Amino acid sequence: MTLVQAIEIVLREAEGPLYHREITRRIVEKGLWKETESLPDNVLQKLTASVRWAYSPFERVSPGYYALRPRDLGFDLEESLQESAAD
């Protein structure tokens, strides 16, 4: 699983936008990512870089807060995981 996929899982389960540190906390709590030492910086870095991409699954809703974009604008996680498994 990639960090982007872990972030998407957390945001899918959230009832709204989350602060990047809360996203990190939930990733660790759920055991979605093993390397925790630099995880907070990596989560923020991935989110910041991703929202610049037109097809990003994420959107920045206010400083430090992120949410999933509507499904038709982002990629489908299940489809992406199936393609990865097929390779």
N, C-alpha and C. Protein backbone atom coordinates (compact mmCIF):
# COMPACT_ATOMS: atom_id res chain seq x y z
N MET A 1 0.85 -1.18 0.00
CA MET A 1 0.00 0.00 0.00
C MET A 1 0.89 1.24 0.00
N THR A 2 0.50 2.20 -0.80
CA THR A 2 1.25 3.45 -0.83
C THR A 2 0.71 4.40 0.23
N LEU A 3 1.49 5.43 0.53
CA LEU A 3 1.04 6.43 1.49
C LEU A 3 -0.19 7.16 0.98
N VAL A 4 -0.24 7.43 -0.32
CA VAL A 4 -1.41 8.09 -0.90
C VAL A 4 -2.66 7.22 -0.70
N GLN A 5 -2.54 5.93 -0.87
CA GLN A 5 -3.68 5.03 -0.66
C GLN A 5 -4.11 5.03 0.81
N ALA A 6 -3.13 5.06 1.72
CA ALA A 6 -3.45 5.11 3.15
C ALA A 6 -4.19 6.40 3.50
N ILE A 7 -3.74 7.51 2.93
CA ILE A 7 -4.40 8.80 3.17
C ILE A 7 -5.84 8.74 2.65
N GLU A 8 -6.02 8.17 1.47
CA GLU A 8 -7.36 8.09 0.89
C GLU A 8 -8.28 7.23 1.75
N ILE A 9 -7.79 6.14 2.27
CA ILE A 9 -8.60 5.29 3.14
C ILE A 9 -9.07 6.07 4.36
N VAL A 10 -8.15 6.79 4.99
CA VAL A 10 -8.50 7.59 6.17
C VAL A 10 -9.54 8.65 5.83
N LEU A 11 -9.35 9.34 4.72
CA LEU A 11 -10.29 10.40 4.35
C LEU A 11 -11.65 9.84 3.94
N ARG A 12 -11.67 8.64 3.37
CA ARG A 12 -12.95 8.02 3.02
C ARG A 12 -13.76 7.72 4.27
N GLU A 13 -13.08 7.30 5.33
CA GLU A 13 -13.76 6.94 6.57
C GLU A 13 -14.14 8.17 7.40
N ALA A 14 -13.54 9.30 7.10
CA ALA A 14 -13.83 10.53 7.85
C ALA A 14 -15.18 11.09 7.41
N GLU A 15 -15.78 11.83 8.30
CA GLU A 15 -17.07 12.44 7.98
C GLU A 15 -16.93 13.83 7.39
N GLY A 16 -15.71 14.24 7.13
CA GLY A 16 -15.46 15.55 6.56
C GLY A 16 -13.97 15.78 6.46
N PRO A 17 -13.56 17.00 6.14
CA PRO A 17 -12.13 17.31 6.03
C PRO A 17 -11.40 17.05 7.35
N LEU A 18 -10.13 16.68 7.24
CA LEU A 18 -9.30 16.45 8.42
C LEU A 18 -8.03 17.27 8.33
N TYR A 19 -7.53 17.66 9.49
CA TYR A 19 -6.24 18.34 9.58
C TYR A 19 -5.16 17.31 9.29
N HIS A 20 -4.08 17.72 8.66
CA HIS A 20 -3.06 16.75 8.22
C HIS A 20 -2.49 15.95 9.38
N ARG A 21 -2.37 16.52 10.56
CA ARG A 21 -1.87 15.75 11.72
C ARG A 21 -2.87 14.69 12.17
N GLU A 22 -4.15 14.97 12.02
CA GLU A 22 -5.17 13.98 12.35
C GLU A 22 -5.15 12.84 11.33
N ILE A 23 -4.92 13.16 10.08
CA ILE A 23 -4.78 12.11 9.06
C ILE A 23 -3.62 11.19 9.44
N THR A 24 -2.50 11.79 9.82
CA THR A 24 -1.33 11.02 10.23
C THR A 24 -1.65 10.13 11.42
N ARG A 25 -2.30 10.70 12.42
CA ARG A 25 -2.64 9.94 13.63
C ARG A 25 -3.50 8.72 13.28
N ARG A 26 -4.47 8.91 12.41
CA ARG A 26 -5.36 7.81 12.03
C ARG A 26 -4.64 6.75 11.20
N ILE A 27 -3.70 7.16 10.37
CA ILE A 27 -2.91 6.19 9.60
C ILE A 27 -2.15 5.28 10.55
N VAL A 28 -1.52 5.88 11.55
CA VAL A 28 -0.76 5.10 12.54
C VAL A 28 -1.70 4.22 13.36
N GLU A 29 -2.80 4.80 13.82
CA GLU A 29 -3.77 4.08 14.64
C GLU A 29 -4.31 2.84 13.93
N LYS A 30 -4.53 2.95 12.63
CA LYS A 30 -5.07 1.84 11.85
C LYS A 30 -3.98 0.87 11.37
N GLY A 31 -2.72 1.22 11.59
CA GLY A 31 -1.63 0.35 11.17
C GLY A 31 -1.45 0.32 9.66
N LEU A 32 -1.79 1.41 8.98
CA LEU A 32 -1.70 1.44 7.52
C LEU A 32 -0.29 1.74 7.02
N TRP A 33 0.57 2.24 7.90
CA TRP A 33 1.93 2.60 7.49
C TRP A 33 2.86 2.28 8.63
N LYS A 34 3.95 1.61 8.35
CA LYS A 34 4.86 1.15 9.41
C LYS A 34 5.88 2.21 9.83
N GLU A 35 6.42 2.96 8.88
CA GLU A 35 7.43 3.97 9.21
C GLU A 35 6.76 5.18 9.82
N THR A 36 6.92 5.38 11.12
CA THR A 36 6.22 6.49 11.77
C THR A 36 7.13 7.67 12.07
N GLU A 37 8.44 7.49 11.99
CA GLU A 37 9.37 8.56 12.37
C GLU A 37 9.18 9.83 11.54
N SER A 38 9.15 9.71 10.23
CA SER A 38 9.00 10.89 9.37
C SER A 38 7.61 10.98 8.76
N LEU A 39 6.68 10.19 9.27
CA LEU A 39 5.34 10.13 8.69
C LEU A 39 4.61 11.48 8.65
N PRO A 40 4.60 12.28 9.73
CA PRO A 40 3.88 13.56 9.64
C PRO A 40 4.35 14.45 8.50
N ASP A 41 5.65 14.55 8.31
CA ASP A 41 6.18 15.35 7.21
C ASP A 41 5.82 14.74 5.86
N ASN A 42 5.88 13.41 5.77
CA ASN A 42 5.57 12.74 4.51
C ASN A 42 4.10 12.89 4.13
N VAL A 43 3.20 12.82 5.09
CA VAL A 43 1.77 12.97 4.81
C VAL A 43 1.51 14.37 4.27
N LEU A 44 2.02 15.38 4.96
CA LEU A 44 1.81 16.76 4.50
C LEU A 44 2.43 16.97 3.13
N GLN A 45 3.61 16.42 2.91
CA GLN A 45 4.30 16.56 1.62
C GLN A 45 3.48 15.91 0.50
N LYS A 46 2.96 14.71 0.73
CA LYS A 46 2.15 14.02 -0.29
C LYS A 46 0.87 14.80 -0.59
N LEU A 47 0.21 15.29 0.46
CA LEU A 47 -1.03 16.05 0.25
C LEU A 47 -0.76 17.34 -0.51
N THR A 48 0.27 18.06 -0.11
CA THR A 48 0.61 19.33 -0.76
C THR A 48 0.94 19.12 -2.23
N ALA A 49 1.72 18.09 -2.53
CA ALA A 49 2.09 17.81 -3.92
C ALA A 49 0.88 17.33 -4.71
N SER A 50 0.06 16.51 -4.10
CA SER A 50 -1.07 15.91 -4.80
C SER A 50 -2.13 16.93 -5.21
N VAL A 51 -2.42 17.89 -4.35
CA VAL A 51 -3.50 18.83 -4.68
C VAL A 51 -3.17 19.71 -5.87
N ARG A 52 -1.92 19.77 -6.25
CA ARG A 52 -1.51 20.54 -7.43
C ARG A 52 -1.82 19.80 -8.72
N TRP A 53 -2.05 18.51 -8.62
CA TRP A 53 -2.31 17.64 -9.76
C TRP A 53 -3.80 17.68 -10.08
N ALA A 54 -4.14 17.84 -11.34
CA ALA A 54 -5.54 17.99 -11.75
C ALA A 54 -6.41 16.79 -11.37
N TYR A 55 -5.84 15.61 -11.38
CA TYR A 55 -6.61 14.40 -11.09
C TYR A 55 -6.38 13.88 -9.67
N SER A 56 -5.95 14.74 -8.80
CA SER A 56 -5.70 14.35 -7.41
C SER A 56 -6.99 13.88 -6.75
N PRO A 57 -6.88 12.85 -5.92
CA PRO A 57 -8.07 12.42 -5.17
C PRO A 57 -8.37 13.34 -3.99
N PHE A 58 -7.46 14.29 -3.72
CA PHE A 58 -7.58 15.16 -2.55
C PHE A 58 -7.78 16.61 -2.95
N GLU A 59 -8.38 17.36 -2.02
CA GLU A 59 -8.46 18.81 -2.19
C GLU A 59 -8.16 19.47 -0.85
N ARG A 60 -7.52 20.62 -0.92
CA ARG A 60 -7.25 21.40 0.28
C ARG A 60 -8.45 22.32 0.49
N VAL A 61 -9.09 22.18 1.63
CA VAL A 61 -10.30 22.97 1.88
C VAL A 61 -10.02 24.22 2.71
N SER A 62 -8.92 24.21 3.45
CA SER A 62 -8.42 25.37 4.18
C SER A 62 -7.00 25.03 4.60
N PRO A 63 -6.25 26.01 5.09
CA PRO A 63 -4.85 25.71 5.44
C PRO A 63 -4.72 24.50 6.38
N GLY A 64 -4.04 23.48 5.90
CA GLY A 64 -3.79 22.28 6.69
C GLY A 64 -4.90 21.24 6.67
N TYR A 65 -6.06 21.58 6.13
CA TYR A 65 -7.21 20.67 6.11
C TYR A 65 -7.43 20.12 4.70
N TYR A 66 -7.65 18.81 4.64
CA TYR A 66 -7.81 18.13 3.35
C TYR A 66 -9.03 17.22 3.38
N ALA A 67 -9.59 17.01 2.19
CA ALA A 67 -10.75 16.13 2.02
C ALA A 67 -10.60 15.42 0.69
N LEU A 68 -11.45 14.42 0.47
CA LEU A 68 -11.49 13.77 -0.84
C LEU A 68 -12.25 14.64 -1.81
N ARG A 69 -11.77 14.68 -3.03
CA ARG A 69 -12.53 15.36 -4.09
C ARG A 69 -13.70 14.47 -4.47
N PRO A 70 -14.67 15.05 -5.13
CA PRO A 70 -15.75 14.19 -5.65
C PRO A 70 -15.16 13.07 -6.49
N ARG A 71 -15.74 11.89 -6.42
CA ARG A 71 -15.20 10.69 -7.07
C ARG A 71 -14.89 10.84 -8.55
N ASP A 72 -15.68 11.58 -9.27
CA ASP A 72 -15.46 11.68 -10.71
C ASP A 72 -14.21 12.48 -11.06
N LEU A 73 -13.64 13.21 -10.11
CA LEU A 73 -12.44 13.99 -10.38
C LEU A 73 -11.17 13.29 -9.93
N GLY A 74 -11.27 12.32 -9.04
CA GLY A 74 -10.10 11.61 -8.53
C GLY A 74 -10.02 10.23 -9.13
N PHE A 75 -9.02 9.46 -8.70
CA PHE A 75 -8.91 8.09 -9.18
C PHE A 75 -9.68 7.18 -8.24
N ASP A 76 -9.99 6.00 -8.72
CA ASP A 76 -10.73 5.02 -7.93
C ASP A 76 -9.72 4.12 -7.24
N LEU A 77 -9.71 4.12 -5.91
CA LEU A 77 -8.74 3.35 -5.14
C LEU A 77 -8.85 1.86 -5.44
N GLU A 78 -10.06 1.32 -5.45
CA GLU A 78 -10.21 -0.11 -5.70
C GLU A 78 -9.65 -0.50 -7.06
N GLU A 79 -9.95 0.30 -8.07
CA GLU A 79 -9.44 0.03 -9.42
C GLU A 79 -7.92 0.09 -9.43
N SER A 80 -7.36 1.07 -8.75
CA SER A 80 -5.91 1.22 -8.69
C SER A 80 -5.26 0.02 -8.00
N LEU A 81 -5.86 -0.45 -6.90
CA LEU A 81 -5.32 -1.60 -6.19
C LEU A 81 -5.41 -2.87 -7.03
N GLN A 82 -6.51 -3.04 -7.77
CA GLN A 82 -6.66 -4.21 -8.63
C GLN A 82 -5.62 -4.20 -9.74
N GLU A 83 -5.37 -3.03 -10.32
CA GLU A 83 -4.36 -2.92 -11.37
C GLU A 83 -2.98 -3.24 -10.82
N SER A 84 -2.68 -2.78 -9.59
CA SER A 84 -1.39 -3.06 -8.97
C SER A 84 -1.23 -4.55 -8.70
N ALA A 85 -2.29 -5.20 -8.27
CA ALA A 85 -2.24 -6.62 -7.97
C ALA A 85 -2.06 -7.45 -9.24
N ALA A 86 -2.60 -6.96 -10.35
CA ALA A 86 -2.50 -7.68 -11.63
C ALA A 86 -1.09 -7.61 -12.22
N ASP A 87 -0.33 -6.57 -11.84
CA ASP A 87 1.02 -6.40 -12.41
C ASP A 87 2.02 -7.37 -11.87
